[in-house]
Amino acid sequence: MRTRRLVVVSAGLGEPSSSRMLADRLTDATEQALRKLDVEVESSVVELREHAHDVLNAMLTGVPTGNAEEVLGEVARADGLIAVSPVFNASCSGLFKTFFDVLDKDSLTGTPVLLGATGGTPRHSLVLEHALRPMFTYLRAVVVPTAVYAASEDWGAGGTGQDLSQRVDRAAAELADLVAARRAKTTADPFENPVPFEQLMRDVTDF
């Protein structure tokens, strides 16, 4: 049986958070869909709130260290990615955007990605199309057609609403098909051969 790595990035700030709840639903559905395709899956979750300081330091210094280096490498090595953000001011959260700004721009090239977002009202559902999808398209990821938005009302009766379940299953099946069709990524560390400091300084001087 083939094995693929599925990495889940959740930008929820609470504990528990609706973003993590949606991420878990999407992960479970994707794992089931992959196993139906005879693909074993290794899943891991990155809770961005646990790495917020390291991510901000990486943004300020341009050098990922500590936990930031570890989780950025984990995302870069993923065969499939699920990314979920809460909605803030009609866009994704600043923490979510900062994390993917810090990620090397080539890390997600060709990587299948399933997008999710959560908010208090269905009116913000278009954030997936005008904020998240363009960002991942810029990163040259392969974004599945179905993105999943969950409003507060979708979590009624324990989050078992039929409409949400149908969207989750459809998006998970699309991601599973793409992940199963791709060759597994190598396990090379994207930070294994950093640019020497002297070269960085020479480039700055030349500029």
Protein backbone atom coordinates (compact mmCIF):
# COMPACT_ATOMS: atom_id res chain seq x y z
CA MET A 1 0.00 0.00 0.00
CA ARG A 2 1.33 3.44 -0.95
CA THR A 3 1.88 6.02 1.80
CA ARG A 4 1.36 9.78 1.56
CA ARG A 5 1.95 12.59 4.06
CA LEU A 6 -1.04 14.84 4.79
CA VAL A 7 -0.31 18.05 6.71
CA VAL A 8 -3.09 20.13 8.24
CA VAL A 9 -2.58 23.82 9.08
CA SER A 10 -5.12 25.35 11.45
CA ALA A 11 -5.02 29.05 12.30
CA GLY A 12 -7.69 28.99 15.01
CA LEU A 13 -6.87 31.10 18.04
CA GLY A 14 -9.12 29.48 20.63
CA GLU A 15 -8.95 26.09 22.26
CA PRO A 16 -11.02 24.46 21.00
CA SER A 17 -11.62 26.48 17.86
CA SER A 18 -14.09 26.09 15.03
CA SER A 19 -11.17 26.20 12.59
CA ARG A 20 -9.61 23.15 14.23
CA MET A 21 -13.01 21.43 14.29
CA LEU A 22 -13.39 21.97 10.55
CA ALA A 23 -9.79 20.91 9.95
CA ASP A 24 -10.41 17.66 11.83
CA ARG A 25 -13.55 16.97 9.80
CA LEU A 26 -11.69 17.54 6.55
CA THR A 27 -8.77 15.40 7.70
CA ASP A 28 -10.95 12.45 8.71
CA ALA A 29 -12.85 12.57 5.42
CA THR A 30 -9.63 12.80 3.37
CA GLU A 31 -8.05 9.88 5.21
CA GLN A 32 -11.11 7.76 4.53
CA ALA A 33 -11.13 8.75 0.86
CA LEU A 34 -7.43 7.93 0.49
CA ARG A 35 -7.81 4.51 2.06
CA LYS A 36 -10.58 3.74 -0.43
CA LEU A 37 -7.96 4.43 -3.10
CA ASP A 38 -5.57 1.98 -1.41
CA VAL A 39 -3.35 4.78 -0.09
CA GLU A 40 -2.09 4.77 3.48
CA VAL A 41 -1.84 8.22 5.02
CA GLU A 42 0.33 9.80 7.70
CA SER A 43 -1.37 12.92 9.04
CA SER A 44 -0.01 15.70 11.22
CA VAL A 45 -1.53 18.95 12.43
CA VAL A 46 0.16 22.34 12.73
CA GLU A 47 -1.65 24.61 15.19
CA LEU A 48 -0.31 28.02 14.20
CA ARG A 49 -1.16 29.66 17.53
CA GLU A 50 1.44 27.39 19.14
CA HIS A 51 4.13 28.76 16.81
CA ALA A 52 3.05 32.40 16.53
CA HIS A 53 6.18 33.92 18.09
CA ASP A 54 8.56 31.80 16.00
CA VAL A 55 6.61 32.61 12.82
CA LEU A 56 6.76 36.34 13.57
CA ASN A 57 10.50 36.14 14.30
CA ALA A 58 11.00 34.38 10.97
CA MET A 59 9.11 37.18 9.25
CA LEU A 60 11.21 39.87 10.95
CA THR A 61 14.61 38.22 10.50
CA GLY A 62 14.06 36.27 7.29
CA VAL A 63 15.54 33.19 8.99
CA PRO A 64 13.22 30.45 10.31
CA THR A 65 14.58 28.97 13.52
CA GLY A 66 13.32 26.71 16.29
CA ASN A 67 9.79 25.45 15.84
CA ALA A 68 9.20 27.65 12.80
CA GLU A 69 11.91 25.84 10.83
CA GLU A 70 10.42 22.48 11.82
CA VAL A 71 6.82 23.22 10.85
CA LEU A 72 7.76 25.03 7.63
CA GLY A 73 9.77 21.98 6.62
CA GLU A 74 6.85 19.74 7.51
CA VAL A 75 4.52 21.71 5.24
CA ALA A 76 7.09 21.77 2.43
CA ARG A 77 7.37 17.97 2.52
CA ALA A 78 3.61 17.37 2.48
CA ASP A 79 2.06 15.32 -0.31
CA GLY A 80 -1.24 17.04 0.43
CA LEU A 81 -2.20 20.07 2.50
CA ILE A 82 -5.37 21.11 4.31
CA ALA A 83 -5.32 24.79 5.32
CA VAL A 84 -8.05 26.34 7.46
CA SER A 85 -8.30 29.91 8.73
CA PRO A 86 -10.87 31.89 10.70
CA VAL A 87 -12.18 35.00 8.96
CA PHE A 88 -10.95 38.37 10.20
CA ASN A 89 -12.03 41.63 8.54
CA ALA A 90 -13.29 39.80 5.44
CA SER A 91 -9.99 37.97 4.92
CA CYS A 92 -7.89 35.20 6.44
CA SER A 93 -6.24 35.79 9.79
CA GLY A 94 -2.95 37.68 9.97
CA LEU A 95 -1.23 34.68 11.55
CA PHE A 96 -2.35 32.44 8.68
CA LYS A 97 -1.13 34.93 6.04
CA THR A 98 2.18 35.49 7.85
CA PHE A 99 2.90 31.77 8.01
CA PHE A 100 2.49 31.32 4.28
CA ASP A 101 4.42 34.54 3.63
CA VAL A 102 7.37 33.03 5.53
CA LEU A 103 7.12 29.70 3.67
CA ASP A 104 9.51 29.47 0.73
CA LYS A 105 7.62 30.48 -2.40
CA ASP A 106 8.50 27.23 -4.20
CA SER A 107 7.60 24.86 -1.35
CA LEU A 108 4.02 24.24 -2.45
CA THR A 109 4.57 24.04 -6.20
CA GLY A 110 2.26 21.31 -7.48
CA THR A 111 1.08 20.35 -3.99
CA PRO A 112 -2.65 19.52 -3.76
CA VAL A 113 -4.35 21.85 -1.27
CA LEU A 114 -7.82 21.85 0.27
CA LEU A 115 -8.93 25.22 1.66
CA GLY A 116 -11.28 25.83 4.55
CA ALA A 117 -12.48 28.84 6.53
CA THR A 118 -14.77 29.53 9.47
CA GLY A 119 -16.79 32.55 10.52
CA GLY A 120 -19.87 33.71 12.31
CA THR A 121 -22.03 34.28 9.26
CA PRO A 122 -22.38 32.74 5.78
CA ARG A 123 -21.85 36.21 4.28
CA HIS A 124 -18.08 35.76 4.67
CA SER A 125 -17.90 32.55 2.65
CA LEU A 126 -16.42 34.32 -0.38
CA VAL A 127 -13.21 34.90 1.58
CA LEU A 128 -12.17 31.50 0.25
CA GLU A 129 -12.33 32.75 -3.33
CA HIS A 130 -11.09 36.33 -3.06
CA ALA A 131 -8.39 35.87 -0.39
CA LEU A 132 -7.27 32.26 0.09
CA ARG A 133 -7.50 30.75 -3.39
CA PRO A 134 -5.49 33.54 -5.10
CA MET A 135 -2.75 33.26 -2.47
CA PHE A 136 -2.29 29.53 -3.00
CA THR A 137 -2.53 29.93 -6.75
CA TYR A 138 0.34 32.42 -6.50
CA LEU A 139 2.31 29.76 -4.59
CA ARG A 140 1.61 27.41 -7.54
CA ALA A 141 -0.27 24.91 -5.41
CA VAL A 142 -3.01 22.81 -6.99
CA VAL A 143 -6.14 23.95 -5.14
CA VAL A 144 -9.09 21.55 -5.25
CA PRO A 145 -12.29 22.96 -6.80
CA THR A 146 -14.38 22.66 -3.63
CA ALA A 147 -13.42 24.94 -0.72
CA VAL A 148 -15.32 24.51 2.55
CA TYR A 149 -16.68 27.37 4.64
CA ALA A 150 -18.38 26.70 7.97
CA ALA A 151 -20.49 29.37 9.65
CA SER A 152 -21.70 29.21 13.24
CA GLU A 153 -25.02 27.76 12.14
CA ASP A 154 -23.23 24.80 10.52
CA TRP A 155 -22.15 23.60 13.96
CA GLY A 156 -25.69 23.14 15.23
CA ALA A 157 -26.49 19.67 16.51
CA GLY A 158 -22.80 18.96 17.00
CA GLY A 159 -21.77 20.07 13.55
CA THR A 160 -23.56 17.26 11.81
CA GLY A 161 -25.47 19.42 9.34
CA GLN A 162 -26.07 17.57 6.10
CA ASP A 163 -24.95 20.43 3.85
CA LEU A 164 -21.60 20.80 5.64
CA SER A 165 -21.04 17.04 5.59
CA GLN A 166 -21.68 16.90 1.85
CA ARG A 167 -19.24 19.73 1.16
CA VAL A 168 -16.60 18.15 3.41
CA ASP A 169 -16.92 14.78 1.69
CA ARG A 170 -16.82 16.28 -1.80
CA ALA A 171 -13.73 18.39 -1.06
CA ALA A 172 -11.98 15.49 0.67
CA ALA A 173 -12.60 13.19 -2.31
CA GLU A 174 -11.13 15.82 -4.66
CA LEU A 175 -8.02 16.16 -2.50
CA ALA A 176 -7.62 12.41 -2.15
CA ASP A 177 -7.77 11.92 -5.93
CA LEU A 178 -4.99 14.46 -6.47
CA VAL A 179 -2.80 13.16 -3.64
CA ALA A 180 -3.16 9.55 -4.79
CA ALA A 181 -2.26 10.46 -8.37
CA ARG A 182 0.97 12.26 -7.43
CA ARG A 183 4.33 10.70 -6.76
CA ALA A 184 5.31 10.99 -3.10
CA LYS A 185 7.62 13.91 -2.31
CA THR A 186 11.18 13.27 -1.23
CA THR A 187 12.03 13.76 2.43
CA ALA A 188 14.82 16.25 1.77
CA ASP A 189 14.99 19.11 4.28
CA PRO A 190 14.29 22.39 2.40
CA PHE A 191 16.61 24.18 4.88
CA GLU A 192 19.45 21.67 4.59
CA ASN A 193 21.60 23.88 2.35
CA PRO A 194 21.01 27.51 3.36
CA VAL A 195 22.64 30.36 1.47
CA PRO A 196 25.94 31.26 3.23
CA PHE A 197 25.83 34.48 5.22
CA GLU A 198 28.79 35.89 3.27
CA GLN A 199 26.89 35.44 -0.01
CA LEU A 200 23.81 37.14 1.45
CA MET A 201 25.92 40.13 2.49
CA ARG A 202 27.66 40.22 -0.91
CA ASP A 203 24.28 40.31 -2.66
CA VAL A 204 23.18 43.20 -0.46
CA THR A 205 26.42 45.06 -1.16
CA ASP A 206 26.13 44.50 -4.90
CA PHE A 207 22.59 45.88 -4.85
